C-alpha atoms as a PDB file:
ATOM      1  CA  MET A   1     -95.700  32.754  -8.750  1.00  0.00           C
ATOM      2  CA  ASN A   2     -93.303  33.236  -5.492  1.00  0.00           C
ATOM      3  CA  THR A   3     -93.449  29.348  -4.435  1.00  0.00           C
ATOM      4  CA  LYS A   4     -92.492  28.360  -8.053  1.00  0.00           C
ATOM      5  CA  LYS A   5     -89.261  30.918  -8.459  1.00  0.00           C
ATOM      6  CA  ILE A   6     -88.366  29.522  -4.813  1.00  0.00           C
ATOM      7  CA  LEU A   7     -88.720  25.843  -5.693  1.00  0.00           C
ATOM      8  CA  SER A   8     -87.037  26.744  -9.346  1.00  0.00           C
ATOM      9  CA  LYS A   9     -83.750  28.343  -6.999  1.00  0.00           C
ATOM     10  CA  THR A  10     -83.200  25.418  -4.996  1.00  0.00           C
ATOM     11  CA  LYS A  11     -83.353  22.755  -7.462  1.00  0.00           C
ATOM     12  CA  THR A  12     -81.065  24.032  -9.230  1.00  0.00           C
ATOM     13  CA  ALA A  13     -79.072  25.012  -6.381  1.00  0.00           C
ATOM     14  CA  ALA A  14     -79.434  21.330  -5.436  1.00  0.00           C
ATOM     15  CA  LEU A  15     -78.575  20.631  -9.914  1.00  0.00           C
ATOM     16  CA  THR A  16     -75.709  23.018  -9.002  1.00  0.00           C
ATOM     17  CA  PHE A  17     -74.069  21.268  -5.941  1.00  0.00           C
ATOM     18  CA  LEU A  18     -73.936  17.311  -6.648  1.00  0.00           C
ATOM     19  CA  LYS A  19     -72.914  18.723 -11.054  1.00  0.00           C
ATOM     20  CA  VAL A  20     -69.637  20.568  -9.343  1.00  0.00           C
ATOM     21  CA  ASN A  21     -69.611  17.869  -6.479  1.00  0.00           C
ATOM     22  CA  LYS A  22     -70.380  14.012  -7.636  1.00  0.00           C
ATOM     23  CA  TYR A  23     -67.094  12.830  -7.221  1.00  0.00           C
ATOM     24  CA  LEU A  24     -66.592  13.807  -3.922  1.00  0.00           C
ATOM     25  CA  ILE A  25     -70.389  12.446  -3.228  1.00  0.00           C
ATOM     26  CA  VAL A  26     -69.394   8.558  -4.939  1.00  0.00           C
ATOM     27  CA  LEU A  27     -66.162   8.634  -2.559  1.00  0.00           C
ATOM     28  CA  ALA A  28     -68.626   9.034  -0.206  1.00  0.00           C
ATOM     29  CA  ALA A  29     -70.703   6.414  -0.883  1.00  0.00           C
ATOM     30  CA  GLY A  30     -67.961   3.882  -1.284  1.00  0.00           C
ATOM     31  CA  VAL A  31     -65.423   4.469   1.399  1.00  0.00           C
ATOM     32  CA  LEU A  32     -68.923   3.944   3.614  1.00  0.00           C
ATOM     33  CA  ILE A  33     -69.484   0.876   1.695  1.00  0.00           C
ATOM     34  CA  VAL A  34     -66.404  -0.752   1.452  1.00  0.00           C
ATOM     35  CA  GLY A  35     -66.014   0.837   5.759  1.00  0.00           C
ATOM     36  CA  PHE A  36     -68.443  -0.203   8.086  1.00  0.00           C
ATOM     37  CA  LEU A  37     -71.329  -2.202   5.714  1.00  0.00           C
ATOM     38  CA  GLY A  38     -71.155  -5.912   4.010  1.00  0.00           C
ATOM     39  CA  GLN A  39     -69.431  -9.397   5.088  1.00  0.00           C
ATOM     40  CA  ASN A  40     -66.411  -7.804   3.228  1.00  0.00           C
ATOM     41  CA  SER A  41     -65.928  -4.790   5.382  1.00  0.00           C
ATOM     42  CA  VAL A  42     -63.355  -3.300   7.048  1.00  0.00           C
ATOM     43  CA  MET A  43     -65.219  -3.519  10.363  1.00  0.00           C
ATOM     44  CA  ALA A  44     -66.055  -7.527   9.233  1.00  0.00           C
ATOM     45  CA  HIS A  45     -61.968  -7.661   8.206  1.00  0.00           C
ATOM     46  CA  LEU A  46     -61.271  -6.564  11.036  1.00  0.00           C
ATOM     47  CA  ARG A  47     -63.937  -8.925  13.501  1.00  0.00           C
ATOM     48  CA  ASN A  48     -62.467 -11.610  12.222  1.00  0.00           C
ATOM     49  CA  LYS A  49     -58.932 -10.909  12.541  1.00  0.00           C
ATOM     50  CA  GLY A  50     -59.761 -11.379  16.968  1.00  0.00           C
ATOM     51  CA  ARG A  51     -61.438 -14.013  16.267  1.00  0.00           C
ATOM     52  CA  ILE A  52     -58.861 -16.437  14.276  1.00  0.00           C
ATOM     53  CA  SER A  53     -56.094 -15.080  17.314  1.00  0.00           C
ATOM     54  CA  GLU A  54     -59.134 -15.807  19.099  1.00  0.00           C
ATOM     55  CA  LEU A  55     -59.756 -19.232  18.274  1.00  0.00           C
ATOM     56  CA  LYS A  56     -55.921 -19.562  17.062  1.00  0.00           C
ATOM     57  CA  LYS A  57     -55.214 -19.557  21.547  1.00  0.00           C
ATOM     58  CA  GLU A  58     -57.691 -21.371  22.222  1.00  0.00           C
ATOM     59  CA  ILE A  59     -55.860 -24.654  19.490  1.00  0.00           C
ATOM     60  CA  ALA A  60     -52.412 -23.723  21.522  1.00  0.00           C
ATOM     61  CA  GLU A  61     -53.854 -24.549  24.725  1.00  0.00           C
ATOM     62  CA  HIS A  62     -55.860 -28.011  23.164  1.00  0.00           C
ATOM     63  CA  LYS A  63     -52.290 -28.517  21.335  1.00  0.00           C
ATOM     64  CA  ALA A  64     -50.754 -28.337  24.966  1.00  0.00           C
ATOM     65  CA  LEU A  65     -53.545 -30.632  26.784  1.00  0.00           C
ATOM     66  CA  THR A  66     -53.348 -33.693  23.665  1.00  0.00           C
ATOM     67  CA  LYS A  67     -49.916 -33.670  24.456  1.00  0.00           C
ATOM     68  CA  ALA A  68     -50.095 -33.924  28.445  1.00  0.00           C
ATOM     69  CA  ASN A  69     -53.011 -36.083  28.368  1.00  0.00           C
ATOM     70  CA  LEU A  70     -50.764 -38.546  25.768  1.00  0.00           C
ATOM     71  CA  GLU A  71     -48.007 -38.063  28.152  1.00  0.00           C
ATOM     72  CA  ARG A  72     -50.509 -39.722  31.144  1.00  0.00           C
ATOM     73  CA  THR A  73     -51.808 -42.701  28.610  1.00  0.00           C
ATOM     74  CA  TYR A  74     -48.076 -43.559  27.781  1.00  0.00           C
ATOM     75  CA  GLN A  75     -47.028 -43.674  31.819  1.00  0.00           C
ATOM     76  CA  LEU A  76     -50.264 -45.588  31.962  1.00  0.00           C
ATOM     77  CA  GLN A  77     -50.128 -47.940  29.765  1.00  0.00           C
ATOM     78  CA  THR A  78     -45.508 -48.346  30.270  1.00  0.00           C
ATOM     79  CA  ASP A  79     -45.336 -48.309  34.346  1.00  0.00           C
ATOM     80  CA  VAL A  80     -46.926 -50.522  36.409  1.00  0.00           C
ATOM     81  CA  ASP A  81     -46.793 -47.725  39.539  1.00  0.00           C
ATOM     82  CA  VAL A  82     -48.874 -44.856  38.083  1.00  0.00           C
ATOM     83  CA  MET A  83     -51.131 -47.248  36.965  1.00  0.00           C
ATOM     84  CA  VAL A  84     -51.998 -48.836  40.803  1.00  0.00           C
ATOM     85  CA  ARG A  85     -51.650 -45.064  42.154  1.00  0.00           C
ATOM     86  CA  VAL A  86     -54.023 -44.079  39.728  1.00  0.00           C
ATOM     87  CA  ALA A  87     -56.578 -46.872  40.513  1.00  0.00           C
ATOM     88  CA  ARG A  88     -56.561 -45.856  44.126  1.00  0.00           C
ATOM     89  CA  GLU A  89     -56.349 -42.224  44.172  1.00  0.00           C
ATOM     90  CA  GLN A  90     -59.439 -41.899  41.369  1.00  0.00           C
ATOM     91  CA  HIS A  91     -61.113 -45.610  40.576  1.00  0.00           C
ATOM     92  CA  PHE A  92     -60.869 -46.127  44.776  1.00  0.00           C
ATOM     93  CA  PHE A  93     -59.359 -49.770  44.134  1.00  0.00           C
ATOM     94  CA  LYS A  94     -57.940 -51.571  47.364  1.00  0.00           C
ATOM     95  CA  MET A  95     -55.848 -54.104  48.327  1.00  0.00           C
ATOM     96  CA  ALA A  96     -55.943 -57.266  49.018  1.00  0.00           C
ATOM     97  CA  ASP A  97     -55.712 -56.669  52.894  1.00  0.00           C
ATOM     98  CA  GLU A  98     -56.494 -53.351  52.898  1.00  0.00           C
ATOM     99  CA  ASP A  99     -60.053 -51.016  53.360  1.00  0.00           C
ATOM    100  CA  VAL A 100     -60.709 -47.787  52.227  1.00  0.00           C
ATOM    101  CA  PHE A 101     -62.201 -44.670  53.379  1.00  0.00           C
ATOM    102  CA  VAL A 102     -63.670 -42.103  51.298  1.00  0.00           C
ATOM    103  CA  LEU A 103     -64.085 -39.049  53.713  1.00  0.00           C
ATOM    104  CA  SER A 104     -66.436 -36.286  51.874  1.00  0.00           C
ATOM    105  CA  ASP A 105     -65.723 -32.344  52.007  1.00  0.00           C
ATOM    106  CA  ASP A 106     -69.687 -31.550  51.101  1.00  0.00           C
ATOM    107  CA  ASP A 107     -71.274 -30.272  54.031  1.00  0.00           C
ATOM    108  CA  PRO A 108     -73.625 -32.290  55.852  1.00  0.00           C
ATOM    109  CA  GLN A 109     -77.741 -31.606  54.442  1.00  0.00           C
ATOM    110  CA  PRO A 110     -79.008 -30.361  57.600  1.00  0.00           C
ATOM    111  CA  GLN A 111     -81.470 -32.782  58.787  1.00  0.00           C
ATOM    112  CA  MET A 112     -85.669 -31.571  59.550  1.00  0.00           C
ATOM    113  CA  LEU A 113     -86.671 -32.073  63.233  1.00  0.00           C
ATOM    114  CA  THR A 114     -90.509 -32.973  62.470  1.00  0.00           C
ATOM    115  CA  GLY A 115     -92.578 -33.615  65.543  1.00  0.00           C
ATOM    116  CA  ASN A 116     -90.971 -35.054  68.811  1.00  0.00           C
ATOM    117  CA  GLU A 117     -88.230 -35.996  66.576  1.00  0.00           C
ATOM    118  CA  THR A 118     -84.581 -34.753  68.129  1.00  0.00           C
ATOM    119  CA  VAL A 119     -81.358 -35.269  66.625  1.00  0.00           C
ATOM    120  CA  GLU A 120     -79.018 -36.096  68.727  1.00  0.00           C
END
């Protein structure tokens, strides 16, 4: 009998709390849903804003790179000296009376000694 009274009092206390604070509870639930949950939450909005600023910086970099490439292409199409320089530097072309020596900056691979062989 005593436990029934305690459960009854607890139930009425909980119902009273809900009746008195129903607007506060709904407001708190709404703030949680709008602020943190879902695709359109404030947190998702802030993440998207940061991503947009990163993408705008990337677009600006690509535009600058495109502009530089267009200028270089124009120079290669119009200036013979630039074309010859690029052909010699990047593609190792040579004139008829020249020899081209390509020097490597790579470290040479150590030679393995086997048996009675020696490296001089």
